[in-house]
Amino acid sequence: MKTHEGRFIPETPLLTVDALILYEGKLVLIRRLNPPFKDHFALPGGFVEVGETVEAAVVREAKEETGLDITLLKIAGVYSDPSRDPRGHIVSICFLAKGSGKLKAGSDAKDIMLFGLNEIPRIAFDHNMIIENSKSDINGILSEM
């Protein structure tokens, strides 16, 4: 345990957010600019900053990486397997969202592409599992778009 101002602070996992963004009837994936999984496709997302809500973090990360404004629809799941990220124990809250605006790779994204649900390549982290777990929700929303 660490100490801060005389108090014990427990060591805990880091917190990230990921976004399943539906845009023009497809799913938005970024090609990662940095390790781990450099040059692999992944869901847009990143670390939650201290003092930031997870909802604000996913909206910020989506804008930074994709150029899109997103409307959050629901939490798609919480992913907490200690081995899901090679950098250490990192928990991710994944949101399902609709995107609007102009698609443009930015910040940690080397490139950006749209994929149909049946066209998803092997992607970084446990993101294939996240997409698979969310297929029925994604299909339901796509049928309304």
C-alpha atoms as a PDB file:
ATOM      1  CA  MET A   1       0.000   0.000   0.000  1.00  0.00           C
ATOM      2  CA  LYS A   2       1.103   3.524  -0.718  1.00  0.00           C
ATOM      3  CA  THR A   3       0.705   6.444   1.634  1.00  0.00           C
ATOM      4  CA  HIS A   4      -0.531   9.917   0.862  1.00  0.00           C
ATOM      5  CA  GLU A   5      -0.684  12.617   3.526  1.00  0.00           C
ATOM      6  CA  GLY A   6      -0.423   9.948   6.236  1.00  0.00           C
ATOM      7  CA  ARG A   7      -3.264   7.818   4.838  1.00  0.00           C
ATOM      8  CA  PHE A   8      -2.901   4.361   3.373  1.00  0.00           C
ATOM      9  CA  ILE A   9      -3.948   4.192  -0.264  1.00  0.00           C
ATOM     10  CA  PRO A  10      -4.732   0.707  -1.583  1.00  0.00           C
ATOM     11  CA  GLU A  11      -3.214  -0.358  -4.885  1.00  0.00           C
ATOM     12  CA  THR A  12      -6.073  -0.715  -7.351  1.00  0.00           C
ATOM     13  CA  PRO A  13      -6.527  -1.360 -11.084  1.00  0.00           C
ATOM     14  CA  LEU A  14      -6.414   1.533 -13.535  1.00  0.00           C
ATOM     15  CA  LEU A  15      -9.674   2.608 -15.183  1.00  0.00           C
ATOM     16  CA  THR A  16     -10.346   3.011 -18.902  1.00  0.00           C
ATOM     17  CA  VAL A  17     -13.348   3.457 -21.177  1.00  0.00           C
ATOM     18  CA  ASP A  18     -14.055   1.982 -24.599  1.00  0.00           C
ATOM     19  CA  ALA A  19     -16.713   2.956 -27.120  1.00  0.00           C
ATOM     20  CA  LEU A  20     -18.739   0.840 -29.508  1.00  0.00           C
ATOM     21  CA  ILE A  21     -19.618   3.706 -31.866  1.00  0.00           C
ATOM     22  CA  LEU A  22     -22.230   3.152 -34.551  1.00  0.00           C
ATOM     23  CA  TYR A  23     -21.797   5.535 -37.472  1.00  0.00           C
ATOM     24  CA  GLU A  24     -23.344   5.320 -40.942  1.00  0.00           C
ATOM     25  CA  GLY A  25     -24.649   1.850 -40.115  1.00  0.00           C
ATOM     26  CA  LYS A  26     -21.233   0.466 -39.198  1.00  0.00           C
ATOM     27  CA  LEU A  27     -18.874   0.137 -36.234  1.00  0.00           C
ATOM     28  CA  VAL A  28     -15.974   2.595 -35.857  1.00  0.00           C
ATOM     29  CA  LEU A  29     -12.522   1.090 -35.233  1.00  0.00           C
ATOM     30  CA  ILE A  30      -9.240   2.955 -34.903  1.00  0.00           C
ATOM     31  CA  ARG A  31      -5.789   1.692 -35.871  1.00  0.00           C
ATOM     32  CA  ARG A  32      -3.591   2.191 -32.799  1.00  0.00           C
ATOM     33  CA  LEU A  33      -0.672   4.582 -33.125  1.00  0.00           C
ATOM     34  CA  ASN A  34       1.091   3.452 -29.931  1.00  0.00           C
ATOM     35  CA  PRO A  35       1.951   0.197 -28.141  1.00  0.00           C
ATOM     36  CA  PRO A  36       0.586  -2.077 -26.958  1.00  0.00           C
ATOM     37  CA  PHE A  37      -0.967  -3.460 -30.125  1.00  0.00           C
ATOM     38  CA  LYS A  38       0.556  -0.717 -32.280  1.00  0.00           C
ATOM     39  CA  ASP A  39      -0.911  -0.816 -35.834  1.00  0.00           C
ATOM     40  CA  HIS A  40      -3.791  -3.101 -34.748  1.00  0.00           C
ATOM     41  CA  PHE A  41      -7.413  -2.067 -34.902  1.00  0.00           C
ATOM     42  CA  ALA A  42      -9.203  -1.411 -31.606  1.00  0.00           C
ATOM     43  CA  LEU A  43     -12.271   0.240 -30.191  1.00  0.00           C
ATOM     44  CA  PRO A  44     -11.790   3.952 -29.507  1.00  0.00           C
ATOM     45  CA  GLY A  45     -11.101   4.636 -25.846  1.00  0.00           C
ATOM     46  CA  GLY A  46      -8.554   5.471 -23.214  1.00  0.00           C
ATOM     47  CA  PHE A  47      -7.817   6.253 -19.598  1.00  0.00           C
ATOM     48  CA  VAL A  48     -10.207   8.090 -17.306  1.00  0.00           C
ATOM     49  CA  GLU A  49      -8.574  11.206 -15.870  1.00  0.00           C
ATOM     50  CA  VAL A  50      -8.710  12.002 -12.139  1.00  0.00           C
ATOM     51  CA  GLY A  51     -11.801  14.125 -11.461  1.00  0.00           C
ATOM     52  CA  GLU A  52     -13.540  12.961 -14.657  1.00  0.00           C
ATOM     53  CA  THR A  53     -16.653  10.803 -14.904  1.00  0.00           C
ATOM     54  CA  VAL A  54     -16.498   7.701 -17.081  1.00  0.00           C
ATOM     55  CA  GLU A  55     -19.229   9.210 -19.262  1.00  0.00           C
ATOM     56  CA  ALA A  56     -17.207  12.387 -19.832  1.00  0.00           C
ATOM     57  CA  ALA A  57     -14.072  10.305 -20.468  1.00  0.00           C
ATOM     58  CA  VAL A  58     -15.655   8.200 -23.218  1.00  0.00           C
ATOM     59  CA  VAL A  59     -17.119  11.287 -24.916  1.00  0.00           C
ATOM     60  CA  ARG A  60     -13.690  12.993 -24.752  1.00  0.00           C
ATOM     61  CA  GLU A  61     -11.763   9.946 -25.985  1.00  0.00           C
ATOM     62  CA  ALA A  62     -14.206   9.362 -28.847  1.00  0.00           C
ATOM     63  CA  LYS A  63     -13.856  12.985 -29.985  1.00  0.00           C
ATOM     64  CA  GLU A  64     -10.043  12.924 -29.682  1.00  0.00           C
ATOM     65  CA  GLU A  65      -9.606   9.642 -31.569  1.00  0.00           C
ATOM     66  CA  THR A  66     -12.429   9.734 -34.135  1.00  0.00           C
ATOM     67  CA  GLY A  67     -13.496  13.379 -34.511  1.00  0.00           C
ATOM     68  CA  LEU A  68     -17.060  12.282 -33.750  1.00  0.00           C
ATOM     69  CA  ASP A  69     -19.493  13.575 -31.189  1.00  0.00           C
ATOM     70  CA  ILE A  70     -21.206  10.633 -29.526  1.00  0.00           C
ATOM     71  CA  THR A  71     -24.544  10.069 -27.880  1.00  0.00           C
ATOM     72  CA  LEU A  72     -24.272   7.431 -25.176  1.00  0.00           C
ATOM     73  CA  LEU A  73     -26.967   4.762 -25.396  1.00  0.00           C
ATOM     74  CA  LYS A  74     -26.004   2.353 -22.615  1.00  0.00           C
ATOM     75  CA  ILE A  75     -23.180   0.648 -20.801  1.00  0.00           C
ATOM     76  CA  ALA A  76     -22.279  -2.373 -22.907  1.00  0.00           C
ATOM     77  CA  GLY A  77     -20.277  -3.999 -20.133  1.00  0.00           C
ATOM     78  CA  VAL A  78     -17.442  -3.847 -17.633  1.00  0.00           C
ATOM     79  CA  TYR A  79     -14.320  -5.808 -18.535  1.00  0.00           C
ATOM     80  CA  SER A  80     -11.962  -6.561 -15.666  1.00  0.00           C
ATOM     81  CA  ASP A  81      -9.865  -9.646 -16.446  1.00  0.00           C
ATOM     82  CA  PRO A  82      -6.473  -8.798 -14.888  1.00  0.00           C
ATOM     83  CA  SER A  83      -4.732 -10.140 -18.020  1.00  0.00           C
ATOM     84  CA  ARG A  84      -6.830  -8.198 -20.590  1.00  0.00           C
ATOM     85  CA  ASP A  85      -4.109  -5.556 -21.062  1.00  0.00           C
ATOM     86  CA  PRO A  86      -0.360  -6.267 -21.206  1.00  0.00           C
ATOM     87  CA  ARG A  87       0.344  -2.992 -19.349  1.00  0.00           C
ATOM     88  CA  GLY A  88      -1.205  -4.343 -16.142  1.00  0.00           C
ATOM     89  CA  HIS A  89      -4.559  -4.738 -14.430  1.00  0.00           C
ATOM     90  CA  ILE A  90      -6.806  -2.291 -16.273  1.00  0.00           C
ATOM     91  CA  VAL A  91     -10.588  -2.291 -15.974  1.00  0.00           C
ATOM     92  CA  SER A  92     -12.651  -0.919 -18.855  1.00  0.00           C
ATOM     93  CA  ILE A  93     -16.220   0.309 -18.901  1.00  0.00           C
ATOM     94  CA  CYS A  94     -17.513  -0.037 -22.434  1.00  0.00           C
ATOM     95  CA  PHE A  95     -20.318   2.143 -23.779  1.00  0.00           C
ATOM     96  CA  LEU A  96     -22.576   1.686 -26.788  1.00  0.00           C
ATOM     97  CA  ALA A  97     -23.024   4.986 -28.634  1.00  0.00           C
ATOM     98  CA  LYS A  98     -24.144   6.646 -31.836  1.00  0.00           C
ATOM     99  CA  GLY A  99     -21.661   8.903 -33.598  1.00  0.00           C
ATOM    100  CA  SER A 100     -22.291  12.127 -35.504  1.00  0.00           C
ATOM    101  CA  GLY A 101     -20.065  14.616 -37.278  1.00  0.00           C
ATOM    102  CA  LYS A 102     -17.075  14.131 -39.554  1.00  0.00           C
ATOM    103  CA  LEU A 103     -15.004  10.973 -39.096  1.00  0.00           C
ATOM    104  CA  LYS A 104     -11.296  11.811 -38.730  1.00  0.00           C
ATOM    105  CA  ALA A 105      -8.419   9.948 -37.050  1.00  0.00           C
ATOM    106  CA  GLY A 106      -6.755  11.918 -34.285  1.00  0.00           C
ATOM    107  CA  SER A 107      -4.660  11.704 -31.077  1.00  0.00           C
ATOM    108  CA  ASP A 108      -3.738   8.021 -30.500  1.00  0.00           C
ATOM    109  CA  ALA A 109      -5.328   6.844 -33.753  1.00  0.00           C
ATOM    110  CA  LYS A 110      -3.106   6.193 -36.777  1.00  0.00           C
ATOM    111  CA  ASP A 111      -6.125   5.497 -38.987  1.00  0.00           C
ATOM    112  CA  ILE A 112      -9.856   4.961 -38.687  1.00  0.00           C
ATOM    113  CA  MET A 113     -12.240   2.655 -40.536  1.00  0.00           C
ATOM    114  CA  LEU A 114     -15.851   1.573 -40.530  1.00  0.00           C
ATOM    115  CA  PHE A 115     -16.700  -2.139 -40.349  1.00  0.00           C
ATOM    116  CA  GLY A 116     -19.906  -4.109 -40.661  1.00  0.00           C
ATOM    117  CA  LEU A 117     -20.469  -6.535 -37.785  1.00  0.00           C
ATOM    118  CA  ASN A 118     -19.599  -9.467 -40.034  1.00  0.00           C
ATOM    119  CA  GLU A 119     -16.367  -7.807 -41.240  1.00  0.00           C
ATOM    120  CA  ILE A 120     -14.590  -7.264 -37.902  1.00  0.00           C
ATOM    121  CA  PRO A 121     -10.913  -8.324 -38.112  1.00  0.00           C
ATOM    122  CA  ARG A 122      -8.914  -9.710 -35.172  1.00  0.00           C
ATOM    123  CA  ILE A 123      -8.454  -6.596 -33.015  1.00  0.00           C
ATOM    124  CA  ALA A 124      -6.529  -5.479 -29.913  1.00  0.00           C
ATOM    125  CA  PHE A 125      -7.060  -6.378 -26.266  1.00  0.00           C
ATOM    126  CA  ASP A 126     -10.365  -8.201 -25.601  1.00  0.00           C
ATOM    127  CA  HIS A 127     -12.245  -5.960 -28.028  1.00  0.00           C
ATOM    128  CA  ASN A 128     -13.438  -8.857 -30.244  1.00  0.00           C
ATOM    129  CA  MET A 129     -15.126 -10.338 -27.170  1.00  0.00           C
ATOM    130  CA  ILE A 130     -16.682  -6.965 -26.299  1.00  0.00           C
ATOM    131  CA  ILE A 131     -18.132  -6.690 -29.806  1.00  0.00           C
ATOM    132  CA  GLU A 132     -19.353 -10.299 -29.741  1.00  0.00           C
ATOM    133  CA  ASN A 133     -21.030  -9.754 -26.361  1.00  0.00           C
ATOM    134  CA  SER A 134     -22.791  -6.646 -27.717  1.00  0.00           C
ATOM    135  CA  LYS A 135     -23.940  -7.977 -31.108  1.00  0.00           C
ATOM    136  CA  SER A 136     -27.625  -8.254 -30.234  1.00  0.00           C
ATOM    137  CA  ASP A 137     -27.721  -4.675 -28.876  1.00  0.00           C
ATOM    138  CA  ILE A 138     -25.781  -3.390 -31.905  1.00  0.00           C
ATOM    139  CA  ASN A 139     -28.088  -5.194 -34.344  1.00  0.00           C
ATOM    140  CA  GLY A 140     -31.132  -3.803 -32.555  1.00  0.00           C
ATOM    141  CA  ILE A 141     -29.863  -0.242 -32.849  1.00  0.00           C
ATOM    142  CA  LEU A 142     -28.743  -0.691 -36.454  1.00  0.00           C
ATOM    143  CA  SER A 143     -32.218  -1.936 -37.372  1.00  0.00           C
ATOM    144  CA  GLU A 144     -33.619   1.395 -36.088  1.00  0.00           C
ATOM    145  CA  MET A 145     -31.072   3.595 -37.928  1.00  0.00           C
END
